[in-house]
Amino acid sequence: MIDPRPPRKTFPFLLLQLVVANILVAMAVTGTLYVLFTRLMDAYFERLMHEFDISPTKLNSMFTSDVEQSLWWGIVVALALGILLSWLLTR
C-alpha cells in the first residue's frame, strides 16, 4: 500500500547538523593548533634570547601575527569547504 502523505523533507535540518559539525571540528583543530604554535613559539624565542642574547619582542610579535593570520585563513577555508561539501551531500 502506498502512503498518501507527502515525504518529509529533512534537508534544512540535516544541512544545519552537518554545518554545525564542520564548524565544531574546524574550531577544535584551530584551537589545538593555536595552543601548539604559541607554546612552540614561546620556547623557540626564549631559547633565541638566552643563547644569542637577542631581544625577540619585535620578531616574536611579527611571527605571532603571521601565524594567527594563517590560522584564520585556514579556518575560513576549512569552513567554506565543509559547508560546500555538506550542501553537495544533502542536495
PDB file of N, CA and C in Angstrom:
ATOM      1  N   MET A   1       0.831  -1.168   0.000  1.00  0.00           N
ATOM      2  CA  MET A   1       0.000   0.000   0.000  1.00  0.00           C
ATOM      3  C   MET A   1       0.889   1.249   0.000  1.00  0.00           C
ATOM      4  N   ILE A   2       0.548   2.216  -0.780  1.00  0.00           N
ATOM      5  CA  ILE A   2       1.314   3.447  -0.919  1.00  0.00           C
ATOM      6  C   ILE A   2       0.822   4.456   0.113  1.00  0.00           C
ATOM      7  N   ASP A   3       1.766   5.088   0.766  1.00  0.00           N
ATOM      8  CA  ASP A   3       1.428   6.094   1.773  1.00  0.00           C
ATOM      9  C   ASP A   3       1.000   7.376   1.068  1.00  0.00           C
ATOM     10  N   PRO A   4      -0.220   7.906   1.349  1.00  0.00           N
ATOM     11  CA  PRO A   4      -0.698   9.106   0.651  1.00  0.00           C
ATOM     12  C   PRO A   4      -0.050  10.394   1.146  1.00  0.00           C
ATOM     13  N   ARG A   5       0.628  10.338   2.276  1.00  0.00           N
ATOM     14  CA  ARG A   5       1.242  11.558   2.796  1.00  0.00           C
ATOM     15  C   ARG A   5       2.496  11.900   1.990  1.00  0.00           C
ATOM     16  N   PRO A   6       2.755  13.190   1.815  1.00  0.00           N
ATOM     17  CA  PRO A   6       3.986  13.573   1.107  1.00  0.00           C
ATOM     18  C   PRO A   6       5.205  13.239   1.972  1.00  0.00           C
ATOM     19  N   PRO A   7       6.323  12.960   1.333  1.00  0.00           N
ATOM     20  CA  PRO A   7       7.527  12.632   2.114  1.00  0.00           C
ATOM     21  C   PRO A   7       8.009  13.835   2.923  1.00  0.00           C
ATOM     22  N   ARG A   8       8.554  13.544   4.082  1.00  0.00           N
ATOM     23  CA  ARG A   8       9.082  14.614   4.931  1.00  0.00           C
ATOM     24  C   ARG A   8      10.401  15.114   4.361  1.00  0.00           C
ATOM     25  N   LYS A   9      10.565  16.408   4.418  1.00  0.00           N
ATOM     26  CA  LYS A   9      11.827  16.988   3.963  1.00  0.00           C
ATOM     27  C   LYS A   9      12.708  17.233   5.183  1.00  0.00           C
ATOM     28  N   THR A  10      13.842  16.588   5.218  1.00  0.00           N
ATOM     29  CA  THR A  10      14.786  16.771   6.318  1.00  0.00           C
ATOM     30  C   THR A  10      16.010  17.560   5.872  1.00  0.00           C
ATOM     31  N   PHE A  11      15.961  18.106   4.698  1.00  0.00           N
ATOM     32  CA  PHE A  11      17.128  18.785   4.131  1.00  0.00           C
ATOM     33  C   PHE A  11      17.646  19.926   5.003  1.00  0.00           C
ATOM     34  N   PRO A  12      16.828  20.897   5.401  1.00  0.00           N
ATOM     35  CA  PRO A  12      17.416  22.005   6.166  1.00  0.00           C
ATOM     36  C   PRO A  12      18.017  21.550   7.497  1.00  0.00           C
ATOM     37  N   PHE A  13      17.346  20.626   8.177  1.00  0.00           N
ATOM     38  CA  PHE A  13      17.848  20.178   9.471  1.00  0.00           C
ATOM     39  C   PHE A  13      19.145  19.383   9.308  1.00  0.00           C
ATOM     40  N   LEU A  14      19.205  18.526   8.308  1.00  0.00           N
ATOM     41  CA  LEU A  14      20.414  17.741   8.057  1.00  0.00           C
ATOM     42  C   LEU A  14      21.571  18.647   7.655  1.00  0.00           C
ATOM     43  N   LEU A  15      21.296  19.616   6.801  1.00  0.00           N
ATOM     44  CA  LEU A  15      22.333  20.566   6.395  1.00  0.00           C
ATOM     45  C   LEU A  15      22.843  21.344   7.606  1.00  0.00           C
ATOM     46  N   LEU A  16      21.933  21.770   8.465  1.00  0.00           N
ATOM     47  CA  LEU A  16      22.328  22.504   9.664  1.00  0.00           C
ATOM     48  C   LEU A  16      23.200  21.639  10.575  1.00  0.00           C
ATOM     49  N   GLN A  17      22.837  20.382  10.732  1.00  0.00           N
ATOM     50  CA  GLN A  17      23.646  19.477  11.545  1.00  0.00           C
ATOM     51  C   GLN A  17      25.051  19.313  10.965  1.00  0.00           C
ATOM     52  N   LEU A  18      25.138  19.146   9.664  1.00  0.00           N
ATOM     53  CA  LEU A  18      26.447  18.981   9.026  1.00  0.00           C
ATOM     54  C   LEU A  18      27.298  20.242   9.150  1.00  0.00           C
ATOM     55  N   VAL A  19      26.673  21.401   8.976  1.00  0.00           N
ATOM     56  CA  VAL A  19      27.414  22.660   9.078  1.00  0.00           C
ATOM     57  C   VAL A  19      27.922  22.861  10.505  1.00  0.00           C
ATOM     58  N   VAL A  20      27.069  22.606  11.490  1.00  0.00           N
ATOM     59  CA  VAL A  20      27.490  22.758  12.885  1.00  0.00           C
ATOM     60  C   VAL A  20      28.618  21.779  13.217  1.00  0.00           C
ATOM     61  N   ALA A  21      28.510  20.551  12.732  1.00  0.00           N
ATOM     62  CA  ALA A  21      29.576  19.567  12.972  1.00  0.00           C
ATOM     63  C   ALA A  21      30.887  20.031  12.348  1.00  0.00           C
ATOM     64  N   ASN A  22      30.827  20.567  11.135  1.00  0.00           N
ATOM     65  CA  ASN A  22      32.046  21.061  10.481  1.00  0.00           C
ATOM     66  C   ASN A  22      32.634  22.251  11.226  1.00  0.00           C
ATOM     67  N   ILE A  23      31.781  23.137  11.713  1.00  0.00           N
ATOM     68  CA  ILE A  23      32.261  24.299  12.462  1.00  0.00           C
ATOM     69  C   ILE A  23      32.955  23.848  13.744  1.00  0.00           C
ATOM     70  N   LEU A  24      32.353  22.899  14.451  1.00  0.00           N
ATOM     71  CA  LEU A  24      32.959  22.421  15.697  1.00  0.00           C
ATOM     72  C   LEU A  24      34.304  21.747  15.455  1.00  0.00           C
ATOM     73  N   VAL A  25      34.385  20.941  14.408  1.00  0.00           N
ATOM     74  CA  VAL A  25      35.652  20.274  14.099  1.00  0.00           C
ATOM     75  C   VAL A  25      36.716  21.299  13.702  1.00  0.00           C
ATOM     76  N   ALA A  26      36.348  22.259  12.868  1.00  0.00           N
ATOM     77  CA  ALA A  26      37.314  23.279  12.441  1.00  0.00           C
ATOM     78  C   ALA A  26      37.785  24.114  13.628  1.00  0.00           C
ATOM     79  N   MET A  27      36.883  24.455  14.537  1.00  0.00           N
ATOM     80  CA  MET A  27      37.269  25.235  15.707  1.00  0.00           C
ATOM     81  C   MET A  27      38.169  24.417  16.645  1.00  0.00           C
ATOM     82  N   ALA A  28      37.883  23.135  16.804  1.00  0.00           N
ATOM     83  CA  ALA A  28      38.717  22.289  17.663  1.00  0.00           C
ATOM     84  C   ALA A  28      40.125  22.153  17.092  1.00  0.00           C
ATOM     85  N   VAL A  29      40.219  21.942  15.794  1.00  0.00           N
ATOM     86  CA  VAL A  29      41.537  21.822  15.152  1.00  0.00           C
ATOM     87  C   VAL A  29      42.291  23.142  15.247  1.00  0.00           C
ATOM     88  N   THR A  30      41.606  24.247  14.990  1.00  0.00           N
ATOM     89  CA  THR A  30      42.251  25.553  15.060  1.00  0.00           C
ATOM     90  C   THR A  30      42.713  25.864  16.476  1.00  0.00           C
ATOM     91  N   GLY A  31      41.885  25.580  17.457  1.00  0.00           N
ATOM     92  CA  GLY A  31      42.273  25.817  18.848  1.00  0.00           C
ATOM     93  C   GLY A  31      43.478  24.989  19.257  1.00  0.00           C
ATOM     94  N   THR A  32      43.480  23.732  18.860  1.00  0.00           N
ATOM     95  CA  THR A  32      44.608  22.857  19.176  1.00  0.00           C
ATOM     96  C   THR A  32      45.890  23.353  18.521  1.00  0.00           C
ATOM     97  N   LEU A  33      45.810  23.709  17.248  1.00  0.00           N
ATOM     98  CA  LEU A  33      46.998  24.214  16.554  1.00  0.00           C
ATOM     99  C   LEU A  33      47.466  25.544  17.134  1.00  0.00           C
ATOM    100  N   TYR A  34      46.534  26.397  17.539  1.00  0.00           N
ATOM    101  CA  TYR A  34      46.907  27.688  18.118  1.00  0.00           C
ATOM    102  C   TYR A  34      47.683  27.485  19.419  1.00  0.00           C
ATOM    103  N   VAL A  35      47.184  26.605  20.286  1.00  0.00           N
ATOM    104  CA  VAL A  35      47.882  26.335  21.546  1.00  0.00           C
ATOM    105  C   VAL A  35      49.256  25.736  21.268  1.00  0.00           C
ATOM    106  N   LEU A  36      49.324  24.807  20.330  1.00  0.00           N
ATOM    107  CA  LEU A  36      50.598  24.182  19.979  1.00  0.00           C
ATOM    108  C   LEU A  36      51.591  25.213  19.452  1.00  0.00           C
ATOM    109  N   PHE A  37      51.152  26.061  18.531  1.00  0.00           N
ATOM    110  CA  PHE A  37      52.049  27.066  17.960  1.00  0.00           C
ATOM    111  C   PHE A  37      52.508  28.078  19.003  1.00  0.00           C
ATOM    112  N   THR A  38      51.614  28.522  19.870  1.00  0.00           N
ATOM    113  CA  THR A  38      52.033  29.512  20.867  1.00  0.00           C
ATOM    114  C   THR A  38      53.043  28.925  21.839  1.00  0.00           C
ATOM    115  N   ARG A  39      52.868  27.671  22.230  1.00  0.00           N
ATOM    116  CA  ARG A  39      53.847  27.048  23.127  1.00  0.00           C
ATOM    117  C   ARG A  39      55.196  26.882  22.436  1.00  0.00           C
ATOM    118  N   LEU A  40      55.169  26.438  21.183  1.00  0.00           N
ATOM    119  CA  LEU A  40      56.427  26.279  20.451  1.00  0.00           C
ATOM    120  C   LEU A  40      57.107  27.621  20.210  1.00  0.00           C
ATOM    121  N   MET A  41      56.315  28.650  19.888  1.00  0.00           N
ATOM    122  CA  MET A  41      56.894  29.973  19.657  1.00  0.00           C
ATOM    123  C   MET A  41      57.550  30.507  20.919  1.00  0.00           C
ATOM    124  N   ASP A  42      56.884  30.355  22.054  1.00  0.00           N
ATOM    125  CA  ASP A  42      57.459  30.847  23.303  1.00  0.00           C
ATOM    126  C   ASP A  42      58.772  30.137  23.627  1.00  0.00           C
ATOM    127  N   ALA A  43      58.797  28.826  23.460  1.00  0.00           N
ATOM    128  CA  ALA A  43      60.026  28.075  23.741  1.00  0.00           C
ATOM    129  C   ALA A  43      61.141  28.467  22.775  1.00  0.00           C
ATOM    130  N   TYR A  44      60.803  28.626  21.508  1.00  0.00           N
ATOM    131  CA  TYR A  44      61.803  28.964  20.499  1.00  0.00           C
ATOM    132  C   TYR A  44      62.395  30.350  20.750  1.00  0.00           C
ATOM    133  N   PHE A  45      61.553  31.328  21.016  1.00  0.00           N
ATOM    134  CA  PHE A  45      62.069  32.678  21.219  1.00  0.00           C
ATOM    135  C   PHE A  45      62.791  32.825  22.555  1.00  0.00           C
ATOM    136  N   GLU A  46      62.396  32.052  23.549  1.00  0.00           N
ATOM    137  CA  GLU A  46      63.147  32.075  24.806  1.00  0.00           C
ATOM    138  C   GLU A  46      64.549  31.503  24.596  1.00  0.00           C
ATOM    139  N   ARG A  47      64.641  30.440  23.819  1.00  0.00           N
ATOM    140  CA  ARG A  47      65.950  29.858  23.503  1.00  0.00           C
ATOM    141  C   ARG A  47      66.804  30.853  22.712  1.00  0.00           C
ATOM    142  N   LEU A  48      66.192  31.544  21.753  1.00  0.00           N
ATOM    143  CA  LEU A  48      66.933  32.561  20.994  1.00  0.00           C
ATOM    144  C   LEU A  48      67.456  33.662  21.906  1.00  0.00           C
ATOM    145  N   MET A  49      66.623  34.080  22.825  1.00  0.00           N
ATOM    146  CA  MET A  49      67.002  35.173  23.703  1.00  0.00           C
ATOM    147  C   MET A  49      68.171  34.771  24.607  1.00  0.00           C
ATOM    148  N   HIS A  50      68.153  33.553  25.128  1.00  0.00           N
ATOM    149  CA  HIS A  50      69.213  33.129  26.042  1.00  0.00           C
ATOM    150  C   HIS A  50      70.500  32.754  25.313  1.00  0.00           C
ATOM    151  N   GLU A  51      70.413  32.081  24.196  1.00  0.00           N
ATOM    152  CA  GLU A  51      71.624  31.624  23.506  1.00  0.00           C
ATOM    153  C   GLU A  51      72.324  32.735  22.731  1.00  0.00           C
ATOM    154  N   PHE A  52      71.555  33.591  22.068  1.00  0.00           N
ATOM    155  CA  PHE A  52      72.161  34.596  21.196  1.00  0.00           C
ATOM    156  C   PHE A  52      72.021  36.016  21.728  1.00  0.00           C
ATOM    157  N   ASP A  53      71.449  36.159  22.909  1.00  0.00           N
ATOM    158  CA  ASP A  53      71.262  37.471  23.540  1.00  0.00           C
ATOM    159  C   ASP A  53      70.540  38.447  22.605  1.00  0.00           C
ATOM    160  N   ILE A  54      69.436  37.950  22.014  1.00  0.00           N
ATOM    161  CA  ILE A  54      68.635  38.741  21.086  1.00  0.00           C
ATOM    162  C   ILE A  54      67.336  39.129  21.777  1.00  0.00           C
ATOM    163  N   SER A  55      66.924  40.351  21.586  1.00  0.00           N
ATOM    164  CA  SER A  55      65.621  40.772  22.104  1.00  0.00           C
ATOM    165  C   SER A  55      64.551  40.380  21.083  1.00  0.00           C
ATOM    166  N   PRO A  56      63.727  39.404  21.388  1.00  0.00           N
ATOM    167  CA  PRO A  56      62.806  38.869  20.379  1.00  0.00           C
ATOM    168  C   PRO A  56      61.437  39.542  20.335  1.00  0.00           C
ATOM    169  N   THR A  57      61.276  40.686  20.947  1.00  0.00           N
ATOM    170  CA  THR A  57      59.926  41.247  21.054  1.00  0.00           C
ATOM    171  C   THR A  57      59.332  41.578  19.685  1.00  0.00           C
ATOM    172  N   LYS A  58      60.073  42.290  18.851  1.00  0.00           N
ATOM    173  CA  LYS A  58      59.534  42.663  17.540  1.00  0.00           C
ATOM    174  C   LYS A  58      59.390  41.436  16.640  1.00  0.00           C
ATOM    175  N   LEU A  59      60.408  40.602  16.611  1.00  0.00           N
ATOM    176  CA  LEU A  59      60.367  39.394  15.790  1.00  0.00           C
ATOM    177  C   LEU A  59      59.256  38.455  16.251  1.00  0.00           C
ATOM    178  N   ASN A  60      59.100  38.321  17.569  1.00  0.00           N
ATOM    179  CA  ASN A  60      58.056  37.459  18.112  1.00  0.00           C
ATOM    180  C   ASN A  60      56.671  37.972  17.742  1.00  0.00           C
ATOM    181  N   SER A  61      56.461  39.273  17.835  1.00  0.00           N
ATOM    182  CA  SER A  61      55.138  39.813  17.500  1.00  0.00           C
ATOM    183  C   SER A  61      54.838  39.673  16.008  1.00  0.00           C
ATOM    184  N   MET A  62      55.846  39.844  15.159  1.00  0.00           N
ATOM    185  CA  MET A  62      55.628  39.666  13.719  1.00  0.00           C
ATOM    186  C   MET A  62      55.287  38.213  13.401  1.00  0.00           C
ATOM    187  N   PHE A  63      56.035  37.284  13.994  1.00  0.00           N
ATOM    188  CA  PHE A  63      55.797  35.865  13.745  1.00  0.00           C
ATOM    189  C   PHE A  63      54.439  35.432  14.290  1.00  0.00           C
ATOM    190  N   THR A  64      54.088  35.910  15.473  1.00  0.00           N
ATOM    191  CA  THR A  64      52.797  35.574  16.071  1.00  0.00           C
ATOM    192  C   THR A  64      51.648  36.079  15.215  1.00  0.00           C
ATOM    193  N   SER A  65      51.754  37.295  14.719  1.00  0.00           N
ATOM    194  CA  SER A  65      50.670  37.824  13.882  1.00  0.00           C
ATOM    195  C   SER A  65      50.563  37.055  12.568  1.00  0.00           C
ATOM    196  N   ASP A  66      51.692  36.646  11.995  1.00  0.00           N
ATOM    197  CA  ASP A  66      51.648  35.842  10.763  1.00  0.00           C
ATOM    198  C   ASP A  66      51.004  34.481  10.999  1.00  0.00           C
ATOM    199  N   VAL A  67      51.343  33.836  12.116  1.00  0.00           N
ATOM    200  CA  VAL A  67      50.752  32.533  12.430  1.00  0.00           C
ATOM    201  C   VAL A  67      49.255  32.674  12.677  1.00  0.00           C
ATOM    202  N   GLU A  68      48.853  33.705  13.416  1.00  0.00           N
ATOM    203  CA  GLU A  68      47.424  33.913  13.676  1.00  0.00           C
ATOM    204  C   GLU A  68      46.665  34.186  12.381  1.00  0.00           C
ATOM    205  N   GLN A  69      47.256  34.972  11.490  1.00  0.00           N
ATOM    206  CA  GLN A  69      46.606  35.246  10.211  1.00  0.00           C
ATOM    207  C   GLN A  69      46.468  33.964   9.395  1.00  0.00           C
ATOM    208  N   SER A  70      47.500  33.132   9.395  1.00  0.00           N
ATOM    209  CA  SER A  70      47.423  31.860   8.673  1.00  0.00           C
ATOM    210  C   SER A  70      46.361  30.947   9.266  1.00  0.00           C
ATOM    211  N   LEU A  71      46.248  30.926  10.586  1.00  0.00           N
ATOM    212  CA  LEU A  71      45.217  30.109  11.221  1.00  0.00           C
ATOM    213  C   LEU A  71      43.818  30.601  10.862  1.00  0.00           C
ATOM    214  N   TRP A  72      43.624  31.910  10.839  1.00  0.00           N
ATOM    215  CA  TRP A  72      42.299  32.443  10.466  1.00  0.00           C
ATOM    216  C   TRP A  72      41.956  32.094   9.024  1.00  0.00           C
ATOM    217  N   TRP A  73      42.917  32.231   8.111  1.00  0.00           N
ATOM    218  CA  TRP A  73      42.652  31.853   6.717  1.00  0.00           C
ATOM    219  C   TRP A  73      42.358  30.362   6.618  1.00  0.00           C
ATOM    220  N   GLY A  74      43.073  29.575   7.388  1.00  0.00           N
ATOM    221  CA  GLY A  74      42.831  28.133   7.382  1.00  0.00           C
ATOM    222  C   GLY A  74      41.440  27.775   7.853  1.00  0.00           C
ATOM    223  N   ILE A  75      40.963  28.434   8.910  1.00  0.00           N
ATOM    224  CA  ILE A  75      39.621  28.118   9.393  1.00  0.00           C
ATOM    225  C   ILE A  75      38.559  28.604   8.420  1.00  0.00           C
ATOM    226  N   VAL A  76      38.780  29.733   7.767  1.00  0.00           N
ATOM    227  CA  VAL A  76      37.808  30.217   6.779  1.00  0.00           C
ATOM    228  C   VAL A  76      37.714  29.243   5.608  1.00  0.00           C
ATOM    229  N   VAL A  77      38.860  28.782   5.123  1.00  0.00           N
ATOM    230  CA  VAL A  77      38.859  27.822   4.008  1.00  0.00           C
ATOM    231  C   VAL A  77      38.233  26.501   4.439  1.00  0.00           C
ATOM    232  N   ALA A  78      38.568  26.029   5.645  1.00  0.00           N
ATOM    233  CA  ALA A  78      38.004  24.763   6.132  1.00  0.00           C
ATOM    234  C   ALA A  78      36.491  24.855   6.289  1.00  0.00           C
ATOM    235  N   LEU A  79      36.001  25.959   6.822  1.00  0.00           N
ATOM    236  CA  LEU A  79      34.555  26.119   6.984  1.00  0.00           C
ATOM    237  C   LEU A  79      33.854  26.234   5.639  1.00  0.00           C
ATOM    238  N   ALA A  80      34.435  26.989   4.717  1.00  0.00           N
ATOM    239  CA  ALA A  80      33.818  27.118   3.393  1.00  0.00           C
ATOM    240  C   ALA A  80      33.768  25.771   2.686  1.00  0.00           C
ATOM    241  N   LEU A  81      34.849  25.026   2.760  1.00  0.00           N
ATOM    242  CA  LEU A  81      34.874  23.700   2.142  1.00  0.00           C
ATOM    243  C   LEU A  81      33.886  22.755   2.823  1.00  0.00           C
ATOM    244  N   GLY A  82      33.811  22.808   4.138  1.00  0.00           N
ATOM    245  CA  GLY A  82      32.863  21.965   4.867  1.00  0.00           C
ATOM    246  C   GLY A  82      31.421  22.288   4.532  1.00  0.00           C
ATOM    247  N   ILE A  83      31.099  23.568   4.442  1.00  0.00           N
ATOM    248  CA  ILE A  83      29.730  23.972   4.095  1.00  0.00           C
ATOM    249  C   ILE A  83      29.408  23.568   2.668  1.00  0.00           C
ATOM    250  N   LEU A  84      30.351  23.767   1.753  1.00  0.00           N
ATOM    251  CA  LEU A  84      30.125  23.378   0.361  1.00  0.00           C
ATOM    252  C   LEU A  84      29.911  21.872   0.240  1.00  0.00           C
ATOM    253  N   LEU A  85      30.749  21.086   0.887  1.00  0.00           N
ATOM    254  CA  LEU A  85      30.595  19.635   0.818  1.00  0.00           C
ATOM    255  C   LEU A  85      29.313  19.172   1.507  1.00  0.00           C
ATOM    256  N   SER A  86      28.929  19.821   2.601  1.00  0.00           N
ATOM    257  CA  SER A  86      27.661  19.480   3.260  1.00  0.00           C
ATOM    258  C   SER A  86      26.489  19.764   2.335  1.00  0.00           C
ATOM    259  N   TRP A  87      26.543  20.890   1.650  1.00  0.00           N
ATOM    260  CA  TRP A  87      25.462  21.241   0.725  1.00  0.00           C
ATOM    261  C   TRP A  87      25.401  20.238  -0.428  1.00  0.00           C
ATOM    262  N   LEU A  88      26.576  19.855  -0.948  1.00  0.00           N
ATOM    263  CA  LEU A  88      26.598  18.882  -2.042  1.00  0.00           C
ATOM    264  C   LEU A  88      26.085  17.512  -1.596  1.00  0.00           C
ATOM    265  N   LEU A  89      26.391  17.119  -0.369  1.00  0.00           N
ATOM    266  CA  LEU A  89      25.928  15.828   0.135  1.00  0.00           C
ATOM    267  C   LEU A  89      24.416  15.788   0.346  1.00  0.00           C
ATOM    268  N   THR A  90      23.839  16.909   0.726  1.00  0.00           N
ATOM    269  CA  THR A  90      22.401  16.924   1.024  1.00  0.00           C
ATOM    270  C   THR A  90      21.559  17.383  -0.152  1.00  0.00           C
ATOM    271  N   ARG A  91      22.180  17.701  -1.245  1.00  0.00           N
ATOM    272  CA  ARG A  91      21.444  18.193  -2.416  1.00  0.00           C
ATOM    273  C   ARG A  91      20.697  17.086  -3.088  1.00  0.00           C
TER     274      ARG A  91
END
